[in-house]
Amino acid sequence: MLILRGLHSPDKQPIALTIGNFDGVHLGHQALLEQLKAAAQARGLPSAVLVFEPHPREFFTPLQAPTRLTNMREKLELFAGLGLDRVHVCRFNSNFSRMSAADFIHALHERLAVQFALIGDDFRFGSGRSGDFALMEKIGSQHGFAVQAMHTVLHDGIRISSTAVRTALAEGHLRMAQRYLGRPYSISGRVEHGDGMGHQLGFPTANIQLKHNRPPLSGIFVVRMQGDDLLPMNGVASLGVRPTVRQDGKAVLEVHLFDFAREIYNKHMRVDFLHKLRDEEKYPGVEMLKRQIALDVSNAKQWFVQNG
């Protein structure tokens, strides 16, 4: 899969394109991407996706922007797994935010050589979110490229969206989130050195780097971790601010793996969240915390016995 930066094409080869943020790459996104690939194949075109970094809402209102479901690396890995040919990563900055909807459509034609565009029926674009499907269809026809709308994907009568996934994760409904995503929710990152508290408590942990400080879920979870040359490994994870031992409020993802003692610092790992055991709590001392961790480990192992 070819990854390109900005609104440009190195070869000016005509493409079939879809546009969006694709946070989470959930089943609704996957349906759109499958439809894009089918249209691209029928027209003999490469399939391409245009995404924005950062998310426009992070640019305009960073404190009110929704939590991220996927960082850019995770998103690109999911795109590659779905068999897309190209991804254009467009930097969303002040200059880009001022681009009119019409100029954006012209850029798709002139810079990316778009021959076919597939967009969600609610997709808005351009300065002030003034552009919509009708405008893209109108200007697209003037440039000679076709525009098609993708309608909402429902699951049990519920619209599949990034917001629905975030809500399910925040409420601890991991099975529901998995149904919307088509896979377990996961966080990936490099294993970095922590403060050694896990070793002191008798439960050593792998500390996974978080690219964003506001993960969409928190608590104690049954997890499976894999990456690099390692087979999937079962464990229990804490994702939160560790109120018993820290006061800085910074989110930390720590994974205790069962019967594992290999050196994995700096390896890039993926943590799949399978089941929520409980919310994060603050304890009066580390001895009570240690007893609770032991219970969490026991409960997580029992979950794997029952669920495989």
Protein backbone atom coordinates (compact mmCIF):
# COMPACT_ATOMS: atom_id res chain seq x y z
CA MET A 1 0.00 0.00 0.00
CA LEU A 2 1.36 3.38 -1.04
CA ILE A 3 1.26 6.14 1.60
CA LEU A 4 1.38 9.72 0.32
CA ARG A 5 1.41 13.05 2.14
CA GLY A 6 -0.91 15.83 1.10
CA LEU A 7 -3.04 16.50 -1.96
CA HIS A 8 -0.64 15.33 -4.62
CA SER A 9 -0.02 12.27 -6.74
CA PRO A 10 3.47 11.25 -7.95
CA ASP A 11 2.20 9.68 -11.16
CA LYS A 12 -1.13 11.45 -11.88
CA GLN A 13 -2.69 8.04 -12.41
CA PRO A 14 -6.50 8.30 -12.22
CA ILE A 15 -7.87 6.88 -8.96
CA ALA A 16 -11.09 5.88 -7.21
CA LEU A 17 -11.21 7.82 -3.97
CA THR A 18 -13.09 8.00 -0.70
CA ILE A 19 -12.62 10.69 1.94
CA GLY A 20 -13.05 10.83 5.71
CA ASN A 21 -11.48 10.50 9.13
CA PHE A 22 -12.17 6.77 9.47
CA ASP A 23 -11.55 6.78 13.22
CA GLY A 24 -11.77 3.17 14.34
CA VAL A 25 -12.25 1.77 10.82
CA HIS A 26 -15.52 0.20 12.01
CA LEU A 27 -17.96 -1.94 10.01
CA GLY A 28 -19.57 1.12 8.45
CA HIS A 29 -16.17 2.27 7.22
CA GLN A 30 -15.33 -1.24 6.05
CA ALA A 31 -18.55 -1.45 4.02
CA LEU A 32 -17.68 1.85 2.33
CA LEU A 33 -14.13 0.68 1.61
CA GLU A 34 -15.34 -2.62 0.16
CA GLN A 35 -17.73 -0.71 -2.11
CA LEU A 36 -14.85 1.58 -3.12
CA LYS A 37 -12.63 -1.39 -4.00
CA ALA A 38 -15.39 -2.95 -6.09
CA ALA A 39 -15.95 0.32 -7.97
CA ALA A 40 -12.21 0.76 -8.48
CA GLN A 41 -11.82 -2.77 -9.82
CA ALA A 42 -14.77 -2.34 -12.19
CA ARG A 43 -13.12 0.83 -13.58
CA GLY A 44 -9.57 -0.49 -13.60
CA LEU A 45 -8.43 2.14 -11.07
CA PRO A 46 -6.34 2.02 -7.89
CA SER A 47 -8.42 2.36 -4.71
CA ALA A 48 -7.40 5.35 -2.59
CA VAL A 49 -8.39 6.94 0.71
CA LEU A 50 -7.90 10.55 1.79
CA VAL A 51 -7.66 11.05 5.56
CA PHE A 52 -6.90 14.10 7.70
CA GLU A 53 -4.33 14.54 10.46
CA PRO A 54 -5.16 15.82 12.97
CA HIS A 55 -8.90 15.24 13.08
CA PRO A 56 -10.55 18.59 12.16
CA ARG A 57 -12.29 18.74 15.54
CA GLU A 58 -8.91 18.32 17.25
CA PHE A 59 -7.68 21.32 15.27
CA PHE A 60 -10.65 23.60 15.94
CA THR A 61 -11.64 22.56 19.50
CA PRO A 62 -8.90 20.34 20.96
CA LEU A 63 -10.42 20.26 24.46
CA GLN A 64 -13.86 19.23 23.18
CA ALA A 65 -12.69 16.83 20.45
CA PRO A 66 -13.72 13.19 20.86
CA THR A 67 -11.21 10.65 22.09
CA ARG A 68 -9.33 8.81 19.37
CA LEU A 69 -10.18 5.20 18.64
CA THR A 70 -7.12 4.69 16.43
CA ASN A 71 -3.86 6.54 15.98
CA MET A 72 -2.54 7.06 12.45
CA ARG A 73 -0.29 4.00 12.46
CA GLU A 74 -3.17 1.77 13.58
CA LYS A 75 -5.42 3.28 10.92
CA LEU A 76 -2.85 2.69 8.17
CA GLU A 77 -2.35 -0.91 9.29
CA LEU A 78 -6.09 -1.50 9.10
CA PHE A 79 -6.25 0.07 5.63
CA ALA A 80 -3.44 -2.18 4.46
CA GLY A 81 -5.21 -5.23 5.87
CA LEU A 82 -8.32 -4.31 3.88
CA GLY A 83 -6.36 -4.33 0.63
CA LEU A 84 -6.38 -0.65 -0.31
CA ASP A 85 -3.87 0.58 -2.87
CA ARG A 86 -3.17 4.12 -1.67
CA VAL A 87 -3.67 6.40 1.32
CA HIS A 88 -3.28 10.18 1.11
CA VAL A 89 -2.64 11.73 4.56
CA CYS A 90 -3.58 15.40 4.41
CA ARG A 91 -2.30 17.76 7.10
CA PHE A 92 -5.27 19.64 8.52
CA ASN A 93 -3.98 23.10 9.38
CA SER A 94 -5.17 26.71 9.22
CA ASN A 95 -4.49 27.02 5.48
CA PHE A 96 -6.36 23.84 4.68
CA SER A 97 -9.26 24.81 6.95
CA ARG A 98 -9.80 27.95 4.85
CA MET A 99 -10.04 26.08 1.56
CA SER A 100 -13.49 26.48 0.04
CA ALA A 101 -15.57 23.41 -0.76
CA ALA A 102 -15.32 24.16 -4.50
CA ASP A 103 -11.52 24.56 -4.35
CA PHE A 104 -11.28 21.25 -2.48
CA ILE A 105 -13.22 19.46 -5.23
CA HIS A 106 -11.05 21.10 -7.91
CA ALA A 107 -7.96 19.90 -6.03
CA LEU A 108 -9.26 16.34 -6.05
CA HIS A 109 -9.48 16.53 -9.84
CA GLU A 110 -6.32 18.50 -10.59
CA ARG A 111 -3.90 17.16 -7.98
CA LEU A 112 -5.15 13.62 -7.35
CA ALA A 113 -6.68 12.82 -10.74
CA VAL A 114 -9.86 11.51 -9.14
CA GLN A 115 -12.04 9.67 -11.66
CA PHE A 116 -14.54 8.23 -9.19
CA ALA A 117 -15.41 9.43 -5.67
CA LEU A 118 -17.42 7.58 -3.03
CA ILE A 119 -18.41 9.51 0.09
CA GLY A 120 -20.70 9.01 3.06
CA ASP A 121 -24.13 10.53 2.61
CA ASP A 122 -23.50 12.86 5.57
CA PHE A 123 -19.94 13.89 4.64
CA ARG A 124 -19.32 17.66 4.86
CA PHE A 125 -16.17 19.45 3.72
CA GLY A 126 -14.63 22.81 2.89
CA SER A 127 -14.48 26.03 4.88
CA GLY A 128 -17.43 26.22 7.25
CA ARG A 129 -18.39 22.64 6.28
CA SER A 130 -20.23 24.18 3.33
CA GLY A 131 -19.65 21.30 0.92
CA ASP A 132 -21.88 18.24 0.65
CA PHE A 133 -22.66 15.37 -1.70
CA ALA A 134 -24.81 17.52 -4.02
CA LEU A 135 -22.02 20.04 -4.54
CA MET A 136 -19.39 17.37 -5.15
CA GLU A 137 -21.69 15.61 -7.61
CA LYS A 138 -22.33 18.88 -9.47
CA ILE A 139 -18.70 19.99 -9.77
CA GLY A 140 -17.51 16.43 -10.29
CA SER A 141 -19.73 16.09 -13.36
CA GLN A 142 -18.18 19.29 -14.74
CA HIS A 143 -14.72 17.73 -14.39
CA GLY A 144 -15.81 14.38 -15.73
CA PHE A 145 -15.59 12.27 -12.57
CA ALA A 146 -18.46 10.32 -11.05
CA VAL A 147 -19.58 10.80 -7.45
CA GLN A 148 -21.56 8.23 -5.48
CA ALA A 149 -22.99 8.32 -1.94
CA MET A 150 -22.66 5.53 0.60
CA HIS A 151 -25.66 5.24 2.90
CA THR A 152 -25.69 4.56 6.63
CA VAL A 153 -24.81 1.06 7.85
CA LEU A 154 -27.07 -0.25 10.63
CA HIS A 155 -26.46 -3.02 13.17
CA ASP A 156 -29.57 -4.19 15.02
CA GLY A 157 -31.20 -0.92 14.05
CA ILE A 158 -28.33 1.21 15.40
CA ARG A 159 -26.26 3.41 13.12
CA ILE A 160 -22.67 2.20 13.18
CA SER A 161 -20.44 5.19 13.84
CA SER A 162 -17.25 6.12 15.64
CA THR A 163 -19.44 7.78 18.27
CA ALA A 164 -21.36 4.53 18.86
CA VAL A 165 -18.05 2.68 19.32
CA ARG A 166 -16.76 5.30 21.77
CA THR A 167 -19.98 5.12 23.78
CA ALA A 168 -19.82 1.33 24.00
CA LEU A 169 -16.18 1.43 25.13
CA ALA A 170 -16.78 4.18 27.69
CA GLU A 171 -19.65 2.17 29.19
CA GLY A 172 -17.58 -1.02 29.31
CA HIS A 173 -19.59 -2.85 26.65
CA LEU A 174 -16.63 -4.44 24.89
CA ARG A 175 -18.68 -7.10 23.07
CA MET A 176 -20.88 -4.39 21.59
CA ALA A 177 -17.83 -2.40 20.49
CA GLN A 178 -16.40 -5.58 18.96
CA ARG A 179 -19.61 -6.10 16.97
CA TYR A 180 -19.40 -2.56 15.61
CA LEU A 181 -15.71 -2.86 14.79
CA GLY A 182 -15.74 -6.41 13.46
CA ARG A 183 -12.78 -7.17 15.74
CA PRO A 184 -11.78 -6.61 19.39
CA TYR A 185 -10.93 -3.03 20.24
CA SER A 186 -7.16 -2.65 20.50
CA ILE A 187 -4.42 -0.19 21.35
CA SER A 188 -0.93 -0.58 19.91
CA GLY A 189 2.36 1.02 20.82
CA ARG A 190 5.93 0.38 21.83
CA VAL A 191 6.79 -1.21 25.17
CA GLU A 192 8.55 1.41 27.26
CA HIS A 193 10.12 1.54 30.70
CA GLY A 194 7.75 2.31 33.55
CA ASP A 195 8.33 3.17 37.21
CA GLY A 196 8.83 -0.45 38.30
CA MET A 197 5.73 -0.49 40.51
CA GLY A 198 4.49 -3.72 38.93
CA HIS A 199 7.69 -5.53 39.92
CA GLN A 200 7.44 -4.13 43.44
CA LEU A 201 3.91 -5.47 43.75
CA GLY A 202 4.90 -8.89 42.38
CA PHE A 203 3.07 -8.45 39.05
CA PRO A 204 5.54 -7.15 36.45
CA THR A 205 3.91 -5.28 33.57
CA ALA A 206 4.63 -4.24 30.01
CA ASN A 207 3.99 -0.50 29.72
CA ILE A 208 2.51 0.35 26.33
CA GLN A 209 3.13 3.81 24.93
CA LEU A 210 -0.07 5.82 24.50
CA LYS A 211 -0.06 8.25 21.58
CA HIS A 212 -3.02 10.15 23.05
CA ASN A 213 -3.61 10.89 26.72
CA ARG A 214 -7.38 10.38 26.55
CA PRO A 215 -8.08 6.76 25.69
CA PRO A 216 -11.75 5.93 24.99
CA LEU A 217 -12.00 3.40 27.84
CA SER A 218 -10.59 2.88 31.32
CA GLY A 219 -10.51 0.20 33.97
CA ILE A 220 -9.15 -3.30 34.44
CA PHE A 221 -9.44 -5.65 31.46
CA VAL A 222 -8.87 -9.17 30.24
CA VAL A 223 -6.54 -8.77 27.26
CA ARG A 224 -4.53 -10.61 24.65
CA MET A 225 -1.27 -9.05 23.47
CA GLN A 226 0.75 -9.79 20.35
CA GLY A 227 3.31 -8.20 18.09
CA ASP A 228 6.63 -8.51 16.29
CA ASP A 229 7.76 -12.15 16.47
CA LEU A 230 5.67 -13.08 19.52
CA LEU A 231 2.65 -15.35 19.56
CA PRO A 232 -0.55 -14.00 21.18
CA MET A 233 -0.24 -13.92 24.98
CA ASN A 234 -3.02 -13.76 27.55
CA GLY A 235 -2.99 -11.24 30.36
CA VAL A 236 -4.74 -8.62 32.43
CA ALA A 237 -4.36 -4.89 31.84
CA SER A 238 -4.88 -1.67 33.73
CA LEU A 239 -5.74 1.38 31.66
CA GLY A 240 -6.14 4.53 33.71
CA VAL A 241 -4.46 7.07 35.94
CA ARG A 242 -3.43 4.67 38.77
CA PRO A 243 -4.91 6.82 41.58
CA THR A 244 -3.42 4.71 44.39
CA VAL A 245 0.19 5.32 43.38
CA ARG A 246 0.15 8.43 41.14
CA GLN A 247 -1.32 11.91 41.33
CA ASP A 248 -0.46 13.38 37.92
CA GLY A 249 -3.64 12.15 36.20
CA LYS A 250 -1.77 10.82 33.19
CA ALA A 251 -3.28 7.73 31.56
CA VAL A 252 -1.09 4.61 31.57
CA LEU A 253 -1.61 1.22 29.90
CA GLU A 254 0.07 -1.61 31.82
CA VAL A 255 -0.25 -5.27 30.83
CA HIS A 256 0.60 -8.19 33.11
CA LEU A 257 1.18 -11.28 30.96
CA PHE A 258 0.64 -14.75 32.40
CA ASP A 259 3.70 -17.02 32.64
CA PHE A 260 5.87 -14.70 30.58
CA ALA A 261 9.42 -13.51 31.33
CA ARG A 262 10.96 -12.41 28.00
CA GLU A 263 12.56 -9.01 27.37
CA ILE A 264 10.20 -7.01 25.11
CA TYR A 265 11.26 -3.38 25.65
CA ASN A 266 10.94 -1.27 22.46
CA LYS A 267 8.89 -3.93 20.67
CA HIS A 268 5.73 -2.69 18.99
CA MET A 269 2.79 -4.58 20.47
CA ARG A 270 -0.98 -4.66 20.07
CA VAL A 271 -3.29 -5.10 23.05
CA ASP A 272 -6.75 -6.54 22.30
CA PHE A 273 -9.35 -5.70 24.95
CA LEU A 274 -11.60 -8.73 25.44
CA HIS A 275 -13.57 -8.17 28.64
CA LYS A 276 -13.85 -5.52 31.35
CA LEU A 277 -13.38 -6.81 34.88
CA ARG A 278 -14.02 -3.61 36.83
CA ASP A 279 -13.52 0.14 37.04
CA GLU A 280 -10.31 1.65 38.32
CA GLU A 281 -10.33 2.32 42.07
CA LYS A 282 -8.22 4.14 44.62
CA TYR A 283 -7.09 2.03 47.59
CA PRO A 284 -5.85 3.21 51.01
CA GLY A 285 -2.51 1.44 50.54
CA VAL A 286 -0.42 -0.75 48.26
CA GLU A 287 -1.13 -3.96 50.23
CA MET A 288 -4.83 -3.73 49.44
CA LEU A 289 -3.94 -2.86 45.83
CA LYS A 290 -1.72 -5.93 45.67
CA ARG A 291 -4.53 -8.19 46.91
CA GLN A 292 -6.90 -6.71 44.34
CA ILE A 293 -4.40 -7.27 41.50
CA ALA A 294 -4.06 -10.91 42.55
CA LEU A 295 -7.85 -11.23 42.38
CA ASP A 296 -7.89 -9.53 38.97
CA VAL A 297 -5.29 -12.00 37.66
CA SER A 298 -7.32 -14.93 39.00
CA ASN A 299 -10.53 -13.60 37.45
CA ALA A 300 -8.85 -12.99 34.11
CA LYS A 301 -7.43 -16.51 34.01
CA GLN A 302 -10.86 -17.88 34.82
CA TRP A 303 -12.35 -15.84 31.97
CA PHE A 304 -9.93 -17.47 29.53
CA VAL A 305 -10.86 -20.94 30.87
CA GLN A 306 -14.51 -20.19 30.19
CA ASN A 307 -14.12 -18.31 26.92
CA GLY A 308 -10.99 -19.69 25.33
